[in-house]
Protein backbone atom coordinates (compact mmCIF):
# COMPACT_ATOMS: atom_id res chain seq x y z
CA MET A 1 37.16 194.15 182.22
CA ARG A 2 34.81 191.64 180.82
CA SER A 3 31.58 193.52 181.97
CA LEU A 4 33.11 196.81 180.70
CA ILE A 5 33.36 195.51 177.48
CA GLU A 6 29.91 194.05 177.48
CA PHE A 7 28.33 197.02 178.35
CA CYS A 8 30.07 199.07 175.87
CA LEU A 9 28.88 196.66 173.16
CA THR A 10 25.43 196.93 174.27
CA GLU A 11 25.58 200.98 174.45
CA ASN A 12 26.90 200.83 170.92
CA ASP A 13 24.13 198.77 169.77
CA ARG A 14 21.37 200.93 171.53
CA CYS A 15 22.89 204.02 170.12
CA MET A 16 23.22 202.78 166.44
CA GLY A 17 19.92 201.01 166.54
CA GLY A 18 18.14 204.68 166.47
CA TYR A 19 19.76 205.04 162.96
CA ASP A 20 18.71 203.99 159.50
CA ALA A 21 20.30 200.47 158.80
CA ARG A 22 21.30 201.47 155.57
CA LEU A 23 23.80 203.90 156.61
CA LEU A 24 27.42 202.60 157.22
CA ARG A 25 28.25 201.57 160.73
CA PRO A 26 31.33 201.04 162.80
CA THR A 27 32.51 197.36 162.78
CA THR A 28 36.09 197.19 163.44
CA VAL A 29 36.30 198.32 167.21
CA PRO A 30 32.92 196.03 167.81
CA ARG A 31 34.40 193.04 166.15
CA LEU A 32 37.59 193.24 168.35
CA ALA A 33 35.76 193.88 171.27
CA LYS A 34 33.94 190.44 170.74
CA LEU A 35 37.12 188.79 169.63
CA ALA A 36 38.68 189.81 173.15
CA LEU A 37 35.60 188.47 174.85
CA ARG A 38 36.79 184.77 173.47
CA PHE A 39 39.81 185.19 175.50
CA ILE A 40 38.93 186.80 178.62
CA GLY A 41 37.53 184.50 181.70
CA LYS A 42 34.38 184.83 182.89
């Protein structure tokens, strides 16, 4: 599960990196995913 969440976060950064930084970006789900990573073992 951890590798899937890390992969999704990486892909999100890659996909959103192509857009203008001034545009609004999704933040809720990436933050929740990063929070979940804290509780998932390695």
